[in-house]
C-alpha atoms as a PDB file:
ATOM      1  CA  MET A   1      35.783 -61.320  70.100  1.00  0.00           C
ATOM      2  CA  THR A   2      35.695 -58.531  72.639  1.00  0.00           C
ATOM      3  CA  GLU A   3      35.161 -54.903  71.674  1.00  0.00           C
ATOM      4  CA  ARG A   4      38.836 -54.336  72.405  1.00  0.00           C
ATOM      5  CA  GLU A   5      39.893 -57.156  70.079  1.00  0.00           C
ATOM      6  CA  ILE A   6      37.699 -55.728  67.331  1.00  0.00           C
ATOM      7  CA  ARG A   7      39.271 -52.291  67.761  1.00  0.00           C
ATOM      8  CA  GLN A   8      42.724 -53.853  67.608  1.00  0.00           C
ATOM      9  CA  HIS A   9      41.794 -55.738  64.461  1.00  0.00           C
ATOM     10  CA  TYR A  10      40.821 -52.528  62.692  1.00  0.00           C
ATOM     11  CA  ALA A  11      43.683 -50.419  64.037  1.00  0.00           C
ATOM     12  CA  GLY A  12      45.550 -49.065  61.027  1.00  0.00           C
ATOM     13  CA  LYS A  13      42.977 -50.305  58.494  1.00  0.00           C
ATOM     14  CA  THR A  14      41.410 -47.742  56.200  1.00  0.00           C
ATOM     15  CA  ALA A  15      38.314 -49.830  55.472  1.00  0.00           C
ATOM     16  CA  ARG A  16      36.223 -50.178  58.618  1.00  0.00           C
ATOM     17  CA  PRO A  17      32.604 -51.191  59.125  1.00  0.00           C
ATOM     18  CA  THR A  18      29.759 -48.858  59.946  1.00  0.00           C
ATOM     19  CA  PHE A  19      27.141 -50.147  62.379  1.00  0.00           C
ATOM     20  CA  TYR A  20      23.387 -49.680  62.291  1.00  0.00           C
ATOM     21  CA  THR A  21      20.483 -50.815  64.437  1.00  0.00           C
ATOM     22  CA  ILE A  22      17.148 -51.170  62.649  1.00  0.00           C
ATOM     23  CA  GLU A  23      14.263 -51.107  65.121  1.00  0.00           C
ATOM     24  CA  ASP A  24      10.593 -51.929  64.870  1.00  0.00           C
ATOM     25  CA  ASP A  25       7.908 -53.286  67.200  1.00  0.00           C
ATOM     26  CA  SER A  26       9.368 -56.807  67.243  1.00  0.00           C
ATOM     27  CA  THR A  27      13.144 -56.548  66.855  1.00  0.00           C
ATOM     28  CA  LYS A  28      16.314 -54.515  67.095  1.00  0.00           C
ATOM     29  CA  LEU A  29      18.414 -55.753  64.170  1.00  0.00           C
ATOM     30  CA  PHE A  30      22.148 -55.036  64.395  1.00  0.00           C
ATOM     31  CA  VAL A  31      23.901 -54.706  61.024  1.00  0.00           C
ATOM     32  CA  ALA A  32      27.583 -54.183  60.232  1.00  0.00           C
ATOM     33  CA  THR A  33      28.140 -52.649  56.804  1.00  0.00           C
ATOM     34  CA  LEU A  34      31.267 -52.120  54.752  1.00  0.00           C
ATOM     35  CA  GLY A  35      31.378 -50.520  51.320  1.00  0.00           C
ATOM     36  CA  ALA A  36      29.510 -47.672  49.678  1.00  0.00           C
ATOM     37  CA  ASP A  37      25.729 -47.974  49.866  1.00  0.00           C
ATOM     38  CA  THR A  38      25.562 -47.251  46.115  1.00  0.00           C
ATOM     39  CA  LEU A  39      27.344 -50.562  45.376  1.00  0.00           C
ATOM     40  CA  PRO A  40      25.294 -53.757  44.923  1.00  0.00           C
ATOM     41  CA  PRO A  41      24.348 -55.382  48.251  1.00  0.00           C
ATOM     42  CA  LEU A  42      25.901 -58.589  49.583  1.00  0.00           C
ATOM     43  CA  LEU A  43      23.776 -59.811  52.501  1.00  0.00           C
ATOM     44  CA  LEU A  44      25.578 -62.248  54.834  1.00  0.00           C
ATOM     45  CA  ILE A  45      23.687 -64.446  57.331  1.00  0.00           C
ATOM     46  CA  HIS A  46      25.510 -66.405  60.050  1.00  0.00           C
ATOM     47  CA  GLY A  47      24.736 -69.785  61.597  1.00  0.00           C
ATOM     48  CA  ALA A  48      24.078 -70.811  65.204  1.00  0.00           C
ATOM     49  CA  PRO A  49      25.601 -69.453  67.288  1.00  0.00           C
ATOM     50  CA  GLY A  50      27.139 -66.537  65.421  1.00  0.00           C
ATOM     51  CA  ASN A  51      27.664 -62.803  65.061  1.00  0.00           C
ATOM     52  CA  TRP A  52      28.772 -60.237  62.508  1.00  0.00           C
ATOM     53  CA  TYR A  53      32.503 -60.665  63.065  1.00  0.00           C
ATOM     54  CA  GLY A  54      32.239 -64.314  62.086  1.00  0.00           C
ATOM     55  CA  TYR A  55      32.427 -62.856  58.573  1.00  0.00           C
ATOM     56  CA  LEU A  56      35.464 -60.728  59.404  1.00  0.00           C
ATOM     57  CA  ARG A  57      37.674 -62.373  56.797  1.00  0.00           C
ATOM     58  CA  THR A  58      35.038 -61.845  54.122  1.00  0.00           C
ATOM     59  CA  MET A  59      34.669 -58.184  55.055  1.00  0.00           C
ATOM     60  CA  ASP A  60      38.453 -57.686  54.983  1.00  0.00           C
ATOM     61  CA  ASP A  61      38.707 -58.830  51.356  1.00  0.00           C
ATOM     62  CA  PRO A  62      39.728 -55.776  49.276  1.00  0.00           C
ATOM     63  CA  TYR A  63      38.096 -57.118  46.104  1.00  0.00           C
ATOM     64  CA  LEU A  64      34.752 -57.579  47.822  1.00  0.00           C
ATOM     65  CA  GLN A  65      35.052 -54.117  49.401  1.00  0.00           C
ATOM     66  CA  GLN A  66      35.317 -52.625  45.916  1.00  0.00           C
ATOM     67  CA  ARG A  67      32.415 -54.594  44.472  1.00  0.00           C
ATOM     68  CA  PHE A  68      29.757 -54.661  47.197  1.00  0.00           C
ATOM     69  CA  GLN A  69      28.169 -52.977  50.113  1.00  0.00           C
ATOM     70  CA  MET A  70      28.460 -55.889  52.534  1.00  0.00           C
ATOM     71  CA  LEU A  71      25.552 -56.120  54.971  1.00  0.00           C
ATOM     72  CA  VAL A  72      26.346 -58.513  57.817  1.00  0.00           C
ATOM     73  CA  VAL A  73      23.408 -59.067  60.137  1.00  0.00           C
ATOM     74  CA  GLU A  74      23.366 -60.436  63.641  1.00  0.00           C
ATOM     75  CA  ARG A  75      20.315 -62.646  63.643  1.00  0.00           C
ATOM     76  CA  PRO A  76      17.604 -61.683  66.153  1.00  0.00           C
ATOM     77  CA  GLY A  77      18.630 -62.995  69.553  1.00  0.00           C
ATOM     78  CA  TYR A  78      22.361 -63.143  68.753  1.00  0.00           C
ATOM     79  CA  GLY A  79      25.003 -60.508  69.426  1.00  0.00           C
ATOM     80  CA  LYS A  80      23.479 -57.057  69.703  1.00  0.00           C
ATOM     81  CA  SER A  81      20.258 -57.943  67.917  1.00  0.00           C
ATOM     82  CA  ARG A  82      17.289 -58.320  70.231  1.00  0.00           C
ATOM     83  CA  GLN A  83      13.671 -59.408  70.093  1.00  0.00           C
ATOM     84  CA  ARG A  84      11.086 -57.322  71.890  1.00  0.00           C
ATOM     85  CA  ARG A  85       8.776 -60.275  72.547  1.00  0.00           C
ATOM     86  CA  PRO A  86       8.869 -61.932  75.982  1.00  0.00           C
ATOM     87  CA  ALA A  87      10.644 -65.257  76.524  1.00  0.00           C
ATOM     88  CA  ARG A  88       7.440 -67.297  76.163  1.00  0.00           C
ATOM     89  CA  HIS A  89       7.415 -66.371  72.457  1.00  0.00           C
ATOM     90  CA  LEU A  90      10.843 -67.938  71.854  1.00  0.00           C
ATOM     91  CA  ARG A  91       9.391 -70.495  69.414  1.00  0.00           C
ATOM     92  CA  THR A  92       7.997 -67.727  67.214  1.00  0.00           C
ATOM     93  CA  ARG A  93      10.904 -65.322  67.355  1.00  0.00           C
ATOM     94  CA  MET A  94      13.526 -67.994  66.615  1.00  0.00           C
ATOM     95  CA  SER A  95      11.556 -69.426  63.686  1.00  0.00           C
ATOM     96  CA  ILE A  96      13.028 -69.343  60.182  1.00  0.00           C
ATOM     97  CA  ASP A  97      10.164 -67.164  58.996  1.00  0.00           C
ATOM     98  CA  PHE A  98      10.525 -64.601  61.797  1.00  0.00           C
ATOM     99  CA  GLN A  99      14.298 -64.414  61.367  1.00  0.00           C
ATOM    100  CA  ALA A 100      14.004 -63.975  57.610  1.00  0.00           C
ATOM    101  CA  ARG A 101      11.375 -61.240  57.872  1.00  0.00           C
ATOM    102  CA  SER A 102      13.595 -59.334  60.296  1.00  0.00           C
ATOM    103  CA  ILE A 103      16.742 -59.758  58.196  1.00  0.00           C
ATOM    104  CA  THR A 104      15.173 -58.499  54.961  1.00  0.00           C
ATOM    105  CA  LYS A 105      14.995 -55.058  56.589  1.00  0.00           C
ATOM    106  CA  ALA A 106      18.797 -54.800  56.337  1.00  0.00           C
ATOM    107  CA  LEU A 107      18.410 -54.348  52.573  1.00  0.00           C
ATOM    108  CA  SER A 108      16.874 -50.920  53.255  1.00  0.00           C
ATOM    109  CA  LEU A 109      20.414 -49.695  54.032  1.00  0.00           C
ATOM    110  CA  ASN A 110      21.412 -50.059  50.376  1.00  0.00           C
ATOM    111  CA  ARG A 111      20.676 -47.368  47.764  1.00  0.00           C
ATOM    112  CA  SER A 112      22.041 -49.024  44.613  1.00  0.00           C
ATOM    113  CA  GLY A 113      18.689 -50.228  43.282  1.00  0.00           C
ATOM    114  CA  GLN A 114      20.355 -53.552  42.465  1.00  0.00           C
ATOM    115  CA  PRO A 115      19.192 -56.966  43.706  1.00  0.00           C
ATOM    116  CA  ALA A 116      21.252 -58.522  46.477  1.00  0.00           C
ATOM    117  CA  ILE A 117      23.477 -61.529  46.494  1.00  0.00           C
ATOM    118  CA  VAL A 118      22.342 -63.326  49.669  1.00  0.00           C
ATOM    119  CA  LEU A 119      24.721 -65.754  51.381  1.00  0.00           C
ATOM    120  CA  GLY A 120      23.677 -67.928  54.295  1.00  0.00           C
ATOM    121  CA  ARG A 121      25.908 -70.500  55.935  1.00  0.00           C
ATOM    122  CA  SER A 122      25.018 -73.469  58.139  1.00  0.00           C
ATOM    123  CA  PHE A 123      21.790 -72.628  60.047  1.00  0.00           C
ATOM    124  CA  GLY A 124      21.736 -69.312  58.180  1.00  0.00           C
ATOM    125  CA  ALA A 125      21.258 -71.083  54.830  1.00  0.00           C
ATOM    126  CA  PRO A 126      17.550 -71.977  55.238  1.00  0.00           C
ATOM    127  CA  ILE A 127      16.923 -68.430  56.469  1.00  0.00           C
ATOM    128  CA  ALA A 128      18.545 -67.167  53.264  1.00  0.00           C
ATOM    129  CA  VAL A 129      16.169 -69.399  51.275  1.00  0.00           C
ATOM    130  CA  ARG A 130      13.193 -67.836  53.043  1.00  0.00           C
ATOM    131  CA  VAL A 131      14.573 -64.322  52.434  1.00  0.00           C
ATOM    132  CA  ALA A 132      14.744 -65.132  48.718  1.00  0.00           C
ATOM    133  CA  THR A 133      11.066 -66.109  48.687  1.00  0.00           C
ATOM    134  CA  LEU A 134       9.882 -63.188  50.817  1.00  0.00           C
ATOM    135  CA  VAL A 135      11.425 -60.517  48.573  1.00  0.00           C
ATOM    136  CA  PRO A 136      12.215 -62.255  45.267  1.00  0.00           C
ATOM    137  CA  GLU A 137      12.526 -58.929  43.458  1.00  0.00           C
ATOM    138  CA  LYS A 138      15.364 -57.942  45.798  1.00  0.00           C
ATOM    139  CA  VAL A 139      17.433 -61.140  45.518  1.00  0.00           C
ATOM    140  CA  GLY A 140      19.533 -61.735  42.406  1.00  0.00           C
ATOM    141  CA  HIS A 141      21.509 -64.794  43.522  1.00  0.00           C
ATOM    142  CA  LEU A 142      21.501 -67.125  46.505  1.00  0.00           C
ATOM    143  CA  PHE A 143      24.565 -68.797  48.061  1.00  0.00           C
ATOM    144  CA  LEU A 144      24.057 -71.685  50.488  1.00  0.00           C
ATOM    145  CA  ILE A 145      27.340 -72.574  52.207  1.00  0.00           C
ATOM    146  CA  SER A 146      27.628 -75.698  54.411  1.00  0.00           C
ATOM    147  CA  PRO A 147      23.829 -75.625  54.479  1.00  0.00           C
ATOM    148  CA  ALA A 148      21.808 -77.308  57.216  1.00  0.00           C
ATOM    149  CA  ILE A 149      18.638 -77.724  55.154  1.00  0.00           C
ATOM    150  CA  ASP A 150      17.537 -81.377  55.184  1.00  0.00           C
ATOM    151  CA  PRO A 151      15.054 -81.991  58.031  1.00  0.00           C
ATOM    152  CA  ASP A 152      15.917 -85.713  58.070  1.00  0.00           C
ATOM    153  CA  ARG A 153      19.664 -85.188  58.508  1.00  0.00           C
ATOM    154  CA  GLU A 154      19.874 -83.021  61.615  1.00  0.00           C
ATOM    155  CA  LYS A 155      22.854 -84.297  63.609  1.00  0.00           C
ATOM    156  CA  PHE A 156      22.880 -84.761  67.375  1.00  0.00           C
ATOM    157  CA  TRP A 157      25.684 -85.893  69.663  1.00  0.00           C
ATOM    158  CA  TRP A 158      25.856 -87.535  73.078  1.00  0.00           C
ATOM    159  CA  PHE A 159      26.434 -84.156  74.743  1.00  0.00           C
ATOM    160  CA  SER A 160      23.603 -82.345  72.918  1.00  0.00           C
ATOM    161  CA  LYS A 161      20.998 -83.142  75.574  1.00  0.00           C
ATOM    162  CA  TRP A 162      23.077 -81.602  78.365  1.00  0.00           C
ATOM    163  CA  GLY A 163      22.644 -78.112  76.921  1.00  0.00           C
ATOM    164  CA  ARG A 164      18.900 -78.328  77.555  1.00  0.00           C
ATOM    165  CA  LEU A 165      19.253 -78.729  81.313  1.00  0.00           C
ATOM    166  CA  PRO A 166      18.436 -75.520  83.246  1.00  0.00           C
ATOM    167  CA  PHE A 167      21.375 -75.808  85.650  1.00  0.00           C
ATOM    168  CA  ILE A 168      23.755 -76.147  82.670  1.00  0.00           C
ATOM    169  CA  GLN A 169      22.131 -73.254  80.779  1.00  0.00           C
ATOM    170  CA  ALA A 170      22.645 -71.005  83.811  1.00  0.00           C
ATOM    171  CA  PHE A 171      26.396 -71.145  83.187  1.00  0.00           C
ATOM    172  CA  LEU A 172      26.309 -70.794  79.402  1.00  0.00           C
ATOM    173  CA  PRO A 173      26.200 -67.575  77.351  1.00  0.00           C
ATOM    174  CA  ARG A 174      22.874 -66.561  75.874  1.00  0.00           C
ATOM    175  CA  SER A 175      24.067 -67.290  72.321  1.00  0.00           C
ATOM    176  CA  LEU A 176      24.778 -70.944  73.139  1.00  0.00           C
ATOM    177  CA  ASN A 177      21.415 -71.391  74.830  1.00  0.00           C
ATOM    178  CA  LEU A 178      19.679 -69.901  71.784  1.00  0.00           C
ATOM    179  CA  ALA A 179      21.700 -72.180  69.513  1.00  0.00           C
ATOM    180  CA  THR A 180      20.616 -75.182  71.591  1.00  0.00           C
ATOM    181  CA  TYR A 181      16.980 -74.168  71.254  1.00  0.00           C
ATOM    182  CA  GLU A 182      17.410 -73.727  67.500  1.00  0.00           C
ATOM    183  CA  LYS A 183      19.109 -77.109  67.260  1.00  0.00           C
ATOM    184  CA  TYR A 184      16.171 -78.985  68.741  1.00  0.00           C
ATOM    185  CA  ALA A 185      13.565 -76.985  66.824  1.00  0.00           C
ATOM    186  CA  HIS A 186      15.446 -77.027  63.530  1.00  0.00           C
ATOM    187  CA  ALA A 187      14.099 -80.214  61.928  1.00  0.00           C
ATOM    188  CA  ASN A 188      10.483 -79.069  62.352  1.00  0.00           C
ATOM    189  CA  GLN A 189      11.398 -75.602  61.093  1.00  0.00           C
ATOM    190  CA  LEU A 190      12.990 -77.134  57.991  1.00  0.00           C
ATOM    191  CA  ARG A 191       9.845 -79.168  57.340  1.00  0.00           C
ATOM    192  CA  GLY A 192       7.884 -75.929  57.468  1.00  0.00           C
ATOM    193  CA  LEU A 193      10.247 -74.502  54.846  1.00  0.00           C
ATOM    194  CA  LEU A 194       9.615 -77.327  52.349  1.00  0.00           C
ATOM    195  CA  PRO A 195       6.785 -75.588  50.423  1.00  0.00           C
ATOM    196  CA  TYR A 196       8.975 -72.528  49.806  1.00  0.00           C
ATOM    197  CA  TRP A 197      11.739 -74.269  47.880  1.00  0.00           C
ATOM    198  CA  SER A 198       9.615 -74.371  44.736  1.00  0.00           C
ATOM    199  CA  LYS A 199       9.137 -70.597  45.020  1.00  0.00           C
ATOM    200  CA  VAL A 200      12.852 -69.753  44.820  1.00  0.00           C
ATOM    201  CA  GLN A 201      13.305 -67.642  41.691  1.00  0.00           C
ATOM    202  CA  ALA A 202      16.945 -66.558  41.982  1.00  0.00           C
ATOM    203  CA  PRO A 203      19.829 -68.723  40.730  1.00  0.00           C
ATOM    204  CA  VAL A 204      21.452 -70.707  43.552  1.00  0.00           C
ATOM    205  CA  THR A 205      25.010 -71.825  44.315  1.00  0.00           C
ATOM    206  CA  VAL A 206      25.429 -74.557  46.949  1.00  0.00           C
ATOM    207  CA  VAL A 207      28.832 -75.361  48.452  1.00  0.00           C
ATOM    208  CA  GLN A 208      29.485 -78.287  50.809  1.00  0.00           C
ATOM    209  CA  GLY A 209      32.724 -79.563  52.357  1.00  0.00           C
ATOM    210  CA  ALA A 210      33.496 -83.269  52.103  1.00  0.00           C
ATOM    211  CA  GLN A 211      35.240 -83.095  55.493  1.00  0.00           C
ATOM    212  CA  ASP A 212      32.364 -81.333  57.261  1.00  0.00           C
ATOM    213  CA  TRP A 213      31.608 -83.305  60.437  1.00  0.00           C
ATOM    214  CA  LEU A 214      28.827 -80.927  61.516  1.00  0.00           C
ATOM    215  CA  ILE A 215      26.656 -81.047  58.400  1.00  0.00           C
ATOM    216  CA  ASP A 216      25.896 -84.352  56.693  1.00  0.00           C
ATOM    217  CA  GLN A 217      26.805 -84.501  52.987  1.00  0.00           C
ATOM    218  CA  GLY A 218      23.253 -85.621  52.337  1.00  0.00           C
ATOM    219  CA  ASN A 219      22.285 -81.962  52.599  1.00  0.00           C
ATOM    220  CA  LEU A 220      23.918 -81.408  49.208  1.00  0.00           C
ATOM    221  CA  ALA A 221      21.813 -84.181  47.664  1.00  0.00           C
ATOM    222  CA  PHE A 222      18.744 -82.656  49.334  1.00  0.00           C
ATOM    223  CA  ALA A 223      19.550 -79.285  47.722  1.00  0.00           C
ATOM    224  CA  LYS A 224      19.786 -80.957  44.319  1.00  0.00           C
ATOM    225  CA  ARG A 225      16.325 -82.464  44.785  1.00  0.00           C
ATOM    226  CA  MET A 226      14.752 -79.242  46.020  1.00  0.00           C
ATOM    227  CA  LEU A 227      16.319 -77.184  43.247  1.00  0.00           C
ATOM    228  CA  ALA A 228      15.687 -79.597  40.400  1.00  0.00           C
ATOM    229  CA  ASN A 229      14.727 -77.777  37.185  1.00  0.00           C
ATOM    230  CA  LYS A 230      16.045 -74.491  38.613  1.00  0.00           C
ATOM    231  CA  LYS A 231      19.196 -72.590  37.708  1.00  0.00           C
ATOM    232  CA  ALA A 232      21.589 -73.975  40.311  1.00  0.00           C
ATOM    233  CA  TRP A 233      25.207 -75.050  40.750  1.00  0.00           C
ATOM    234  CA  PHE A 234      26.484 -77.568  43.287  1.00  0.00           C
ATOM    235  CA  HIS A 235      30.041 -77.875  44.589  1.00  0.00           C
ATOM    236  CA  LEU A 236      31.524 -80.536  46.889  1.00  0.00           C
ATOM    237  CA  LEU A 237      34.964 -79.397  48.087  1.00  0.00           C
ATOM    238  CA  PRO A 238      37.084 -82.492  48.880  1.00  0.00           C
ATOM    239  CA  ASN A 239      39.389 -80.844  51.433  1.00  0.00           C
ATOM    240  CA  ALA A 240      36.924 -78.488  53.090  1.00  0.00           C
ATOM    241  CA  GLY A 241      35.280 -78.690  56.502  1.00  0.00           C
ATOM    242  CA  HIS A 242      32.432 -76.592  57.845  1.00  0.00           C
ATOM    243  CA  LEU A 243      33.950 -73.083  57.895  1.00  0.00           C
ATOM    244  CA  ILE A 244      34.313 -72.688  54.139  1.00  0.00           C
ATOM    245  CA  THR A 245      33.977 -68.889  54.096  1.00  0.00           C
ATOM    246  CA  ASN A 246      37.119 -68.711  56.258  1.00  0.00           C
ATOM    247  CA  THR A 247      39.203 -71.686  55.104  1.00  0.00           C
ATOM    248  CA  HIS A 248      38.446 -71.125  51.418  1.00  0.00           C
ATOM    249  CA  ALA A 249      38.072 -67.351  51.467  1.00  0.00           C
ATOM    250  CA  ASP A 250      39.817 -66.828  48.107  1.00  0.00           C
ATOM    251  CA  LEU A 251      37.563 -69.375  46.422  1.00  0.00           C
ATOM    252  CA  MET A 252      34.456 -67.744  47.887  1.00  0.00           C
ATOM    253  CA  CYS A 253      35.672 -64.311  46.805  1.00  0.00           C
ATOM    254  CA  GLY A 254      36.143 -65.583  43.255  1.00  0.00           C
ATOM    255  CA  MET A 255      32.656 -67.084  43.208  1.00  0.00           C
ATOM    256  CA  LEU A 256      31.047 -63.902  44.515  1.00  0.00           C
ATOM    257  CA  VAL A 257      32.909 -61.613  42.108  1.00  0.00           C
ATOM    258  CA  SER A 258      32.176 -63.892  39.155  1.00  0.00           C
ATOM    259  CA  THR A 259      28.497 -63.971  40.111  1.00  0.00           C
ATOM    260  CA  ALA A 260      28.440 -60.180  40.424  1.00  0.00           C
ATOM    261  CA  ASP A 261      30.032 -59.802  36.972  1.00  0.00           C
ATOM    262  CA  SER A 262      27.323 -61.973  35.453  1.00  0.00           C
ATOM    263  CA  LEU A 263      24.383 -60.686  37.489  1.00  0.00           C
ATOM    264  CA  TYR A 264      24.932 -56.960  37.275  1.00  0.00           C
ATOM    265  CA  GLN A 265      26.369 -56.855  33.752  1.00  0.00           C
ATOM    266  CA  SER A 266      23.249 -58.596  32.504  1.00  0.00           C
ATOM    267  CA  ARG A 267      21.136 -55.815  34.015  1.00  0.00           C
ATOM    268  CA  LEU A 268      22.937 -52.981  32.206  1.00  0.00           C
ATOM    269  CA  PRO A 269      20.970 -51.261  29.410  1.00  0.00           C
ATOM    270  CA  ARG A 270      22.025 -52.403  25.949  1.00  0.00           C
ATOM    271  CA  THR A 271      23.028 -49.035  24.506  1.00  0.00           C
ATOM    272  CA  LEU A 272      24.414 -48.604  21.018  1.00  0.00           C
ATOM    273  CA  SER A 273      27.900 -48.158  22.442  1.00  0.00           C
ATOM    274  CA  GLN A 274      27.677 -51.491  24.263  1.00  0.00           C
ATOM    275  CA  VAL A 275      26.335 -53.340  21.225  1.00  0.00           C
ATOM    276  CA  GLY A 276      28.587 -51.742  18.641  1.00  0.00           C
ATOM    277  CA  GLY A 277      31.677 -51.225  20.771  1.00  0.00           C
ATOM    278  CA  GLN A 278      31.693 -47.466  19.990  1.00  0.00           C
END
C-alpha cells in the first residue's frame, strides 16, 4: 500500500494507529500501535516479505481495539525498519535471533504491566518463538499461525533460484530481495532455533491451513513434537490457505479474546469480593 492508500483507508475512522521508531546502535524499529498503552499488549510479527499494514484487518477489529494495545512491528530490513550494520553483515542482521532481540524492544511501548500475547505468522512464527524465550516473563501466550518452523520442510519452487541472480535483484524491491535471502538461509536458521523450543514457557496455540500451498502441513506435526509435554493447542483448518489472519479474521479474533479472558483473568488478585461474589 502507498501512503495515500493508507490515508484513504483511515479516512473517516475514529481508531487510527500511532507510529513509533525505536532506535539503538543496531536498528531503527518501526512500530504501528493501536489501542491504549494501559491495555494488555498484543505483539504481531509478519512474515517475509511483509509490513505493518499486512495486519490491517486485525487492527481494524473493534473487539481487539477494546481489549489490547496492538503492537505491529516491521521486522528489521522491511518497510521503514532499518539495520545500521553494513550489507556484509546481512547474515547476522537477518538471523532469527537478531530479529527477535530487536522486536522485543517494541514491548517497551506498553505500560499495562501485563505479559504480551505474541503472534507470529509464516516466517514470523519462529521469530515469535525466540521472543518468547528471550523474555519469558513478558510473554503470556504464543500464537503460531501458518508457521514455517520445520527446517526439513522448507519449500522451494522452480523460479526460486532466479531471485538470487544480481541482474534480477536489480529490478526487484528491497523487501523481495531480503525475503529471498531469508528463504535460502531459513532452514539453517531453524536448525539453530531447535535448542530453544524446550525453553518455551508460555502456552502455545498453533493454527495451520489444510489448503496452504506455501507451508507444508508437516510443520504442524513438527510443532506437536517440539511442544510435547507443554501446554499447547493445535488446529488444522480444512478450508484455510496461508493468510489465515485475513481469511479467518473472525476466528482469530475469537481465539485472541478467549485467550485474553483466560490469561488476564487468572492474573487478577483473588479478593474477598471475587471469591464471595460480594
